[in-house]
Amino acid sequence: SNATLHNQDEIDRLAIKINDTVIIRRAGDVIPQIVSVVLAKRPENARDINFPSTCPVCDSAVLKIEGEAVLRCTGGLFCGAQRKQAIKHFASRKAIDIDGLGDKLVEQLVDEQLIATPADLFKLTELSVSTLERMGKKSATNLINGIQKAKNTTLPKFIYSLGIREVGETTANNLAHYFLTLDALQNADEETLQQVPDVGSIVAKNIIQFFKEAHNIDIISELSHFMTWPKIVQASKDELPLLNKTFVLTGTLNQMGRNEAKAALQLLGAKVSGSISAKTHYLVAGEKAGSKLTKAQGLGIDILSEDDLVKLLKDLNV
């Protein structure tokens, strides 16, 4: 009963219009696929299929990255269709880390219209959340305390919490330490953004479009009234203790994620590579380290355990 026309390129290729008669087949013996248009049956009221230039839910601008088939709404912090996931990501452990705010509670708060954006979390009171089902006084107190604690964060975590497409922990950390302030990041152009490690043209476009959307800026401005983070002091190259040192990470790290470890090492000037070579200085071997550990041992490369890495970072004040 349904066949998906999944992107503008396919619609253009088929030259299909609204009210056309089409031929379909079972692609892979399962999925209904439109094969062609029966032009002889095209009615006079056939009209072009035009994709929206703004999101039909929140009216934010729509972005289509070159080489991708889909159009995406840019109102990530504001859009009602993305609301629950945006708030869940904002509050998650690797982002702002609000203790006591799980996925189900976020859904409850949104469904009860107590919050609509991440900024609304900081307006909650014990009284307002205590009205929720299965929310006792102690749980309400713990949640509000967790929210209050989350007001103090770091710039990398805040950038990551915004949920900008393809900006993960490592990229957020690189952006924070390159631009030093949120204002500088918001006003950066595409060329400048691409000077940041791990930021290519697609990521740069995603960042620019995100900060170009007025709805997002309004919410970020509101968040800045509630949240603080310490100023980043950029060390000179001479002060980076791991400058010109190459690390490789392998195996499972339990005390910190691989991305977190990579970002911490890069912050100290280290290069983090994905492969072992004679130029590698250190291999950090977590649990179930495999062939990379064997190769590093054969090359006489210094091997660090996860405990060694944690101690190293602590000694270097990261």
Protein backbone atom coordinates (compact mmCIF):
# COMPACT_ATOMS: atom_id res chain seq x y z
CA SER A 1 0.00 0.00 0.00
CA ASN A 2 3.02 2.30 0.38
CA ALA A 3 6.18 2.88 -1.62
CA THR A 4 8.79 5.34 -0.36
CA LEU A 5 10.17 8.15 -2.48
CA HIS A 6 13.11 8.75 -0.22
CA ASN A 7 14.98 11.67 -1.76
CA GLN A 8 14.84 14.50 -4.26
CA ASP A 9 17.44 12.90 -6.54
CA GLU A 10 15.25 9.82 -7.02
CA ILE A 11 12.18 11.95 -7.67
CA ASP A 12 14.11 13.94 -10.28
CA ARG A 13 15.45 10.75 -11.89
CA LEU A 14 11.95 9.33 -12.24
CA ALA A 15 10.52 12.74 -13.28
CA ILE A 16 7.55 11.90 -11.09
CA LYS A 17 4.76 14.32 -10.18
CA ILE A 18 1.87 14.36 -7.71
CA ASN A 19 -1.20 12.57 -9.20
CA ASP A 20 0.92 10.47 -11.59
CA THR A 21 0.20 6.80 -12.28
CA VAL A 22 3.27 4.67 -11.65
CA ILE A 23 4.59 1.15 -12.12
CA ILE A 24 5.88 -0.57 -9.01
CA ARG A 25 7.75 -3.79 -8.35
CA ARG A 26 8.80 -5.81 -5.34
CA ALA A 27 12.44 -4.87 -4.91
CA GLY A 28 14.32 -7.80 -3.38
CA ASP A 29 10.98 -9.64 -3.41
CA VAL A 30 9.85 -7.53 -0.44
CA ILE A 31 10.00 -3.74 -0.67
CA PRO A 32 7.60 -1.94 -3.03
CA GLN A 33 9.66 0.27 -5.33
CA ILE A 34 8.48 2.80 -7.91
CA VAL A 35 10.09 1.91 -11.23
CA SER A 36 8.67 4.41 -13.69
CA VAL A 37 5.87 6.84 -14.54
CA VAL A 38 3.08 5.99 -16.99
CA LEU A 39 3.29 9.26 -18.92
CA ALA A 40 0.28 8.36 -21.08
CA LYS A 41 -1.86 8.52 -17.96
CA ARG A 42 -0.45 11.80 -16.59
CA PRO A 43 -3.44 14.05 -15.74
CA GLU A 44 -3.66 17.79 -16.34
CA ASN A 45 -3.58 18.45 -12.59
CA ALA A 46 -0.20 16.70 -12.10
CA ARG A 47 2.16 19.00 -10.19
CA ASP A 48 5.78 19.04 -9.13
CA ILE A 49 6.95 17.62 -5.82
CA ASN A 50 8.65 20.44 -3.92
CA PHE A 51 10.59 19.75 -0.76
CA PRO A 52 10.12 22.21 2.13
CA SER A 53 12.71 24.91 2.72
CA THR A 54 11.80 25.02 6.41
CA CYS A 55 10.92 22.34 8.96
CA PRO A 56 7.15 21.62 8.93
CA VAL A 57 7.23 21.19 12.73
CA CYS A 58 9.28 24.16 14.00
CA ASP A 59 9.83 26.32 10.89
CA SER A 60 13.63 26.20 11.29
CA ALA A 61 15.80 26.18 8.17
CA VAL A 62 16.33 22.88 6.37
CA LEU A 63 19.85 21.79 5.42
CA LYS A 64 20.93 19.37 2.67
CA ILE A 65 24.60 18.43 2.79
CA GLU A 66 26.22 17.83 -0.59
CA GLY A 67 26.49 14.11 -1.26
CA GLU A 68 23.67 13.21 1.16
CA ALA A 69 20.16 12.27 0.11
CA VAL A 70 18.23 13.61 3.08
CA LEU A 71 17.16 17.07 4.25
CA ARG A 72 17.56 17.81 7.95
CA CYS A 73 15.96 20.33 10.28
CA THR A 74 18.57 22.62 11.88
CA GLY A 75 16.48 23.54 14.94
CA GLY A 76 17.95 20.79 17.08
CA LEU A 77 17.41 22.45 20.47
CA PHE A 78 14.00 23.84 19.58
CA CYS A 79 12.21 21.45 17.21
CA GLY A 80 9.26 19.61 18.75
CA ALA A 81 9.99 16.50 16.68
CA GLN A 82 13.51 16.31 18.14
CA ARG A 83 12.63 17.58 21.60
CA LYS A 84 12.91 14.43 23.70
CA GLN A 85 16.11 13.18 22.09
CA ALA A 86 17.74 16.62 22.26
CA ILE A 87 17.05 16.90 26.00
CA LYS A 88 18.16 13.29 26.65
CA HIS A 89 21.44 13.99 24.88
CA PHE A 90 21.92 17.31 26.71
CA ALA A 91 21.46 15.63 30.10
CA SER A 92 23.48 12.47 29.31
CA ARG A 93 26.56 11.41 31.26
CA LYS A 94 29.10 12.47 28.63
CA ALA A 95 27.36 15.83 28.16
CA ILE A 96 26.00 17.89 31.08
CA ASP A 97 25.50 14.75 33.23
CA ILE A 98 22.36 15.51 35.24
CA ASP A 99 22.20 12.91 37.99
CA GLY A 100 18.76 11.36 38.40
CA LEU A 101 17.42 12.46 35.01
CA GLY A 102 16.90 9.26 33.02
CA ASP A 103 15.28 8.82 29.61
CA LYS A 104 11.86 7.89 31.00
CA LEU A 105 11.79 10.93 33.27
CA VAL A 106 12.68 13.21 30.34
CA GLU A 107 9.74 11.75 28.40
CA GLN A 108 7.46 12.31 31.39
CA LEU A 109 8.55 15.92 31.78
CA VAL A 110 8.00 16.63 28.08
CA ASP A 111 4.66 14.80 27.95
CA GLU A 112 3.44 16.76 30.97
CA GLN A 113 4.63 19.98 29.26
CA LEU A 114 6.92 20.86 32.16
CA ILE A 115 9.89 21.25 29.77
CA ALA A 116 10.22 21.95 26.05
CA THR A 117 13.93 22.80 25.73
CA PRO A 118 17.13 22.00 27.66
CA ALA A 119 16.97 25.46 29.26
CA ASP A 120 13.62 24.58 30.85
CA LEU A 121 15.35 21.96 33.00
CA PHE A 122 16.89 24.75 35.07
CA LYS A 123 13.47 26.27 35.73
CA LEU A 124 12.07 23.13 37.36
CA THR A 125 11.24 23.18 41.07
CA GLU A 126 10.73 20.43 43.62
CA LEU A 127 7.05 21.33 43.70
CA SER A 128 6.58 21.07 39.92
CA VAL A 129 8.35 17.70 39.54
CA SER A 130 6.76 16.20 42.65
CA THR A 131 3.42 16.20 40.81
CA LEU A 132 4.72 13.57 38.39
CA GLU A 133 3.60 9.97 38.72
CA ARG A 134 5.91 7.87 40.94
CA MET A 135 7.92 10.95 41.91
CA GLY A 136 8.23 11.21 45.69
CA LYS A 137 9.63 14.12 47.66
CA LYS A 138 13.08 12.53 48.01
CA SER A 139 13.32 11.78 44.29
CA ALA A 140 12.21 15.32 43.48
CA THR A 141 14.84 16.78 45.83
CA ASN A 142 17.57 14.58 44.32
CA LEU A 143 16.61 15.60 40.77
CA ILE A 144 16.66 19.33 41.55
CA ASN A 145 20.01 18.92 43.34
CA GLY A 146 21.36 17.10 40.27
CA ILE A 147 20.19 19.91 38.01
CA GLN A 148 21.75 22.54 40.26
CA LYS A 149 25.06 20.65 40.28
CA ALA A 150 25.00 20.44 36.47
CA LYS A 151 25.08 24.24 36.20
CA ASN A 152 28.87 24.00 36.56
CA THR A 153 30.36 22.27 33.53
CA THR A 154 33.16 22.71 30.98
CA LEU A 155 33.08 24.34 27.56
CA PRO A 156 33.84 21.04 25.71
CA LYS A 157 30.97 19.30 27.50
CA PHE A 158 28.62 22.20 26.80
CA ILE A 159 29.46 22.19 23.08
CA TYR A 160 28.95 18.41 22.96
CA SER A 161 25.64 18.72 24.83
CA LEU A 162 24.16 20.92 22.08
CA GLY A 163 23.84 17.87 19.82
CA ILE A 164 25.30 19.48 16.70
CA ARG A 165 25.33 16.83 14.00
CA GLU A 166 28.65 14.93 13.82
CA VAL A 167 30.17 16.92 16.68
CA GLY A 168 31.18 14.21 19.14
CA GLU A 169 33.24 14.46 22.32
CA THR A 170 36.61 14.69 20.59
CA THR A 171 35.47 17.30 18.07
CA ALA A 172 33.76 19.33 20.82
CA ASN A 173 36.99 19.25 22.82
CA ASN A 174 39.03 20.34 19.80
CA LEU A 175 36.60 23.18 19.06
CA ALA A 176 36.68 24.40 22.66
CA HIS A 177 40.47 24.47 22.83
CA TYR A 178 40.83 26.09 19.43
CA PHE A 179 38.28 28.89 19.90
CA LEU A 180 38.50 29.15 23.74
CA THR A 181 35.07 30.83 24.01
CA LEU A 182 31.56 29.99 22.87
CA ASP A 183 31.20 33.40 21.18
CA ALA A 184 34.28 32.81 19.04
CA LEU A 185 32.93 29.42 17.95
CA GLN A 186 29.49 30.82 17.13
CA ASN A 187 31.00 33.52 14.91
CA ALA A 188 33.56 31.35 13.11
CA ASP A 189 33.34 30.97 9.34
CA GLU A 190 33.71 27.71 7.41
CA GLU A 191 37.36 28.28 6.51
CA THR A 192 38.35 28.95 10.12
CA LEU A 193 36.40 25.95 11.41
CA GLN A 194 38.29 23.67 9.05
CA GLN A 195 41.56 24.66 10.74
CA VAL A 196 40.39 22.67 13.79
CA PRO A 197 41.60 19.03 13.98
CA ASP A 198 38.93 16.52 12.85
CA VAL A 199 36.71 19.25 11.35
CA GLY A 200 36.10 18.91 7.62
CA SER A 201 33.77 20.79 5.30
CA ILE A 202 30.65 18.78 6.21
CA VAL A 203 31.13 19.20 9.98
CA ALA A 204 31.92 22.89 9.46
CA LYS A 205 28.66 23.34 7.50
CA ASN A 206 26.70 21.56 10.24
CA ILE A 207 28.18 23.86 12.90
CA ILE A 208 27.52 27.04 10.90
CA GLN A 209 23.93 26.06 10.11
CA PHE A 210 23.27 25.14 13.75
CA PHE A 211 24.44 28.54 15.01
CA LYS A 212 22.68 30.34 12.17
CA GLU A 213 19.30 29.12 13.42
CA ALA A 214 17.78 31.82 15.65
CA HIS A 215 15.83 29.30 17.74
CA ASN A 216 19.06 27.55 18.76
CA ILE A 217 20.77 30.84 19.62
CA ASP A 218 17.84 31.88 21.82
CA ILE A 219 18.07 28.66 23.82
CA ILE A 220 21.88 28.86 24.09
CA SER A 221 21.52 32.43 25.35
CA GLU A 222 19.01 31.24 27.93
CA LEU A 223 21.30 28.38 28.99
CA SER A 224 24.19 30.81 29.47
CA HIS A 225 22.18 32.56 32.20
CA PHE A 226 22.09 29.33 34.20
CA MET A 227 25.41 27.65 33.35
CA THR A 228 29.07 28.47 33.89
CA TRP A 229 32.37 26.88 32.93
CA PRO A 230 35.99 27.74 33.71
CA LYS A 231 37.94 29.84 31.23
CA ILE A 232 40.24 27.81 29.01
CA VAL A 233 43.84 29.00 29.10
CA GLN A 234 45.58 27.97 25.89
CA ALA A 235 49.06 26.65 26.51
CA SER A 236 51.82 27.56 24.09
CA LYS A 237 53.36 24.72 22.10
CA ASP A 238 56.46 24.85 24.27
CA GLU A 239 54.30 24.16 27.32
CA LEU A 240 52.59 21.03 25.92
CA PRO A 241 54.23 18.10 27.77
CA LEU A 242 53.35 15.45 25.15
CA LEU A 243 54.17 17.46 22.05
CA ASN A 244 55.62 15.30 19.23
CA LYS A 245 54.66 12.09 21.10
CA THR A 246 52.50 9.57 19.23
CA PHE A 247 50.06 7.33 21.13
CA VAL A 248 47.92 4.44 19.95
CA LEU A 249 44.92 3.21 21.96
CA THR A 250 43.77 -0.41 21.80
CA GLY A 251 41.48 -2.70 23.77
CA THR A 252 38.68 -1.70 26.13
CA LEU A 253 39.22 1.21 28.51
CA ASN A 254 36.96 0.96 31.55
CA GLN A 255 37.85 4.08 33.54
CA MET A 256 37.48 6.46 30.61
CA GLY A 257 36.16 6.09 27.07
CA ARG A 258 38.50 5.89 24.09
CA ASN A 259 37.28 9.28 22.83
CA GLU A 260 37.80 10.84 26.25
CA ALA A 261 41.33 9.43 26.45
CA LYS A 262 42.11 10.61 22.92
CA ALA A 263 40.86 14.13 23.68
CA ALA A 264 42.88 14.28 26.92
CA LEU A 265 46.07 13.22 25.14
CA GLN A 266 45.54 15.67 22.28
CA LEU A 267 45.00 18.44 24.80
CA LEU A 268 48.55 17.78 26.04
CA GLY A 269 49.97 17.99 22.51
CA ALA A 270 50.08 14.27 21.68
CA LYS A 271 49.18 12.81 18.32
CA VAL A 272 46.78 9.86 18.62
CA SER A 273 47.09 7.43 15.74
CA GLY A 274 44.99 4.44 14.77
CA SER A 275 47.88 2.22 13.72
CA ILE A 276 51.19 1.01 15.14
CA SER A 277 54.45 1.96 13.43
CA ALA A 278 58.09 2.48 14.30
CA LYS A 279 57.19 6.14 14.94
CA THR A 280 54.75 5.23 17.74
CA HIS A 281 56.03 6.22 21.18
CA TYR A 282 53.39 4.63 23.43
CA LEU A 283 50.67 2.00 23.13
CA VAL A 284 47.87 2.24 25.70
CA ALA A 285 46.60 -1.33 26.06
CA GLY A 286 43.19 -1.84 27.62
CA GLU A 287 41.37 -5.12 28.19
CA LYS A 288 41.38 -7.65 25.33
CA ALA A 289 44.16 -5.84 23.48
CA GLY A 290 44.96 -7.83 20.35
CA SER A 291 47.29 -7.62 17.37
CA LYS A 292 48.36 -4.03 18.04
CA LEU A 293 49.78 -5.09 21.41
CA THR A 294 51.71 -7.94 19.79
CA LYS A 295 53.08 -5.65 17.09
CA ALA A 296 54.06 -2.97 19.64
CA GLN A 297 55.91 -5.54 21.74
CA GLY A 298 57.77 -6.69 18.62
CA LEU A 299 58.82 -3.12 17.85
CA GLY A 300 59.92 -2.42 21.42
CA ILE A 301 57.31 0.32 21.91
CA ASP A 302 56.52 1.39 25.48
CA ILE A 303 53.28 -0.22 26.68
CA LEU A 304 50.99 1.64 29.10
CA SER A 305 48.09 0.04 30.96
CA GLU A 306 44.91 2.02 31.52
CA ASP A 307 46.05 2.67 35.09
CA ASP A 308 49.35 4.01 33.72
CA LEU A 309 47.43 6.36 31.39
CA VAL A 310 45.15 7.61 34.17
CA LYS A 311 48.21 8.28 36.39
CA LEU A 312 50.00 10.05 33.54
CA LEU A 313 47.03 12.32 32.88
CA LYS A 314 46.61 13.01 36.59
CA ASP A 315 50.29 13.88 36.97
CA LEU A 316 49.97 16.25 34.02
CA ASN A 317 46.82 17.80 35.61
CA VAL A 318 44.24 16.67 33.03
